[in-house]
Amino acid sequence: MNVSPVRSSDVNQPMCPSRLVLEHVTSRWGVLVLAELLERPCRFSELRRAVGGVSEKMLAQTLRTLERDGFVHRDAKPVIPPRVDYSLTPLGKEAAEQVWGLARWAERAVGAVERAREAYDEARP
């Protein structure tokens, strides 16, 4: 039996590592954190206020994941009280620009989506 190797960049393949990258940058909180950091570096508390509805735990987890993936830089300053700033790396800026475009499109398309849902629901018995 011939088995061809999976190309590492084919997101349609089940074991493609790019799927995890896509999951991280397009997650509910990932998109919003990246978008907020696109504007400017932020402290944790600033991000929490800006990203409405995110819990402290989820924000911390999202930032750790994005930092591990190389999208976010964490700058901990050795002062009292401690100060930690988060900013985008060049890779993070590129990702943020991409997902922010999708987020803006979703804002523009929400009316059409709601109308499509209503039509679908009305057509169902």
Protein backbone atom coordinates (compact mmCIF):
# COMPACT_ATOMS: atom_id res chain seq x y z
CA MET A 1 0.00 0.00 0.00
CA ASN A 2 1.35 3.41 -0.99
CA VAL A 3 0.96 6.11 1.65
CA SER A 4 1.90 9.60 0.63
CA PRO A 5 3.29 11.88 3.33
CA VAL A 6 1.14 14.73 4.58
CA ARG A 7 2.35 18.11 3.42
CA SER A 8 3.03 20.20 6.51
CA SER A 9 1.15 23.15 5.05
CA ASP A 10 -2.08 21.45 3.98
CA VAL A 11 -4.67 22.63 6.52
CA ASN A 12 -7.22 20.19 5.10
CA GLN A 13 -5.18 17.22 6.26
CA PRO A 14 -6.24 15.90 9.69
CA MET A 15 -2.76 15.93 11.23
CA CYS A 16 -1.59 19.21 9.72
CA PRO A 17 0.14 21.36 12.37
CA SER A 18 -1.28 24.50 10.78
CA ARG A 19 -4.73 23.51 12.10
CA LEU A 20 -3.61 24.26 15.64
CA VAL A 21 -2.20 27.62 14.57
CA LEU A 22 -5.49 28.43 12.86
CA GLU A 23 -7.40 27.37 15.96
CA HIS A 24 -5.33 29.66 18.19
CA VAL A 25 -5.57 32.80 16.07
CA THR A 26 -9.26 32.35 15.25
CA SER A 27 -10.44 31.35 18.71
CA ARG A 28 -13.10 33.46 20.37
CA TRP A 29 -10.60 35.33 22.53
CA GLY A 30 -7.57 35.00 20.26
CA VAL A 31 -9.10 37.19 17.55
CA LEU A 32 -10.09 39.89 20.04
CA VAL A 33 -6.75 39.91 21.87
CA LEU A 34 -4.80 40.10 18.61
CA ALA A 35 -7.06 42.89 17.36
CA GLU A 36 -6.66 44.91 20.55
CA LEU A 37 -2.87 44.52 20.50
CA LEU A 38 -2.86 45.64 16.87
CA GLU A 39 -3.72 49.12 18.14
CA ARG A 40 -0.95 49.30 20.78
CA PRO A 41 0.80 47.33 23.54
CA CYS A 42 -1.40 46.75 26.59
CA ARG A 43 -1.18 45.66 30.18
CA PHE A 44 -3.24 42.66 31.31
CA SER A 45 -5.88 44.81 33.01
CA GLU A 46 -6.22 47.02 29.91
CA LEU A 47 -6.75 43.96 27.73
CA ARG A 48 -9.32 42.56 30.14
CA ARG A 49 -11.33 45.79 30.04
CA ALA A 50 -11.03 46.10 26.26
CA VAL A 51 -12.03 42.50 25.48
CA GLY A 52 -15.52 42.48 26.92
CA GLY A 53 -16.67 39.28 28.59
CA VAL A 54 -13.33 37.50 28.87
CA SER A 55 -12.52 36.03 32.28
CA GLU A 56 -9.14 36.56 33.87
CA LYS A 57 -8.40 32.84 33.50
CA MET A 58 -9.29 32.74 29.80
CA LEU A 59 -7.34 35.89 29.05
CA ALA A 60 -4.26 34.51 30.79
CA GLN A 61 -4.61 31.22 28.93
CA THR A 62 -5.09 32.96 25.58
CA LEU A 63 -2.07 35.21 26.13
CA ARG A 64 0.10 32.21 27.10
CA THR A 65 -0.97 30.33 23.99
CA LEU A 66 -0.37 33.30 21.70
CA GLU A 67 2.99 33.94 23.36
CA ARG A 68 4.02 30.30 22.94
CA ASP A 69 3.05 30.41 19.26
CA GLY A 70 5.21 33.49 18.73
CA PHE A 71 2.39 35.99 18.18
CA VAL A 72 2.61 37.92 21.45
CA HIS A 73 5.60 39.27 23.34
CA ARG A 74 5.35 39.46 27.14
CA ASP A 75 7.56 42.14 28.69
CA ALA A 76 7.75 41.77 32.48
CA LYS A 77 9.45 44.77 34.08
CA PRO A 78 11.23 44.19 37.41
CA VAL A 79 9.48 46.96 39.31
CA ILE A 80 7.18 47.12 42.31
CA PRO A 81 4.34 46.67 41.74
CA PRO A 82 5.12 44.31 38.85
CA ARG A 83 4.36 45.63 35.38
CA VAL A 84 3.75 43.35 32.41
CA ASP A 85 3.11 44.67 28.93
CA TYR A 86 1.90 42.61 26.00
CA SER A 87 2.62 43.49 22.38
CA LEU A 88 2.55 41.80 19.00
CA THR A 89 5.60 40.27 17.42
CA PRO A 90 6.01 40.78 13.65
CA LEU A 91 4.34 37.38 13.14
CA GLY A 92 1.56 38.41 15.53
CA LYS A 93 1.00 41.67 13.65
CA GLU A 94 0.62 39.74 10.41
CA ALA A 95 -1.86 37.32 12.02
CA ALA A 96 -3.78 40.14 13.71
CA GLU A 97 -4.23 42.01 10.43
CA GLN A 98 -5.63 38.86 8.82
CA VAL A 99 -8.12 37.94 11.55
CA TRP A 100 -9.14 41.56 12.11
CA GLY A 101 -10.21 41.74 8.49
CA LEU A 102 -12.41 38.70 9.06
CA ALA A 103 -13.83 40.22 12.26
CA ARG A 104 -14.70 43.46 10.45
CA TRP A 105 -16.37 41.47 7.67
CA ALA A 106 -18.45 39.61 10.30
CA GLU A 107 -19.60 42.95 11.71
CA ARG A 108 -20.72 44.07 8.25
CA ALA A 109 -22.37 40.73 7.40
CA VAL A 110 -24.29 40.11 10.63
CA GLY A 111 -27.54 41.60 9.26
CA ALA A 112 -27.49 39.32 6.21
CA VAL A 113 -26.68 36.33 8.39
CA GLU A 114 -29.58 37.10 10.73
CA ARG A 115 -31.95 37.40 7.75
CA ALA A 116 -30.70 34.08 6.37
CA ARG A 117 -31.27 32.42 9.76
CA GLU A 118 -34.81 33.77 9.96
CA ALA A 119 -35.60 32.53 6.45
CA TYR A 120 -34.12 29.13 7.25
CA ASP A 121 -36.08 28.84 10.51
CA GLU A 122 -39.35 29.90 8.84
CA ALA A 123 -38.90 27.28 6.11
CA ARG A 124 -38.50 24.50 8.69
CA PRO A 125 -41.60 22.67 9.94
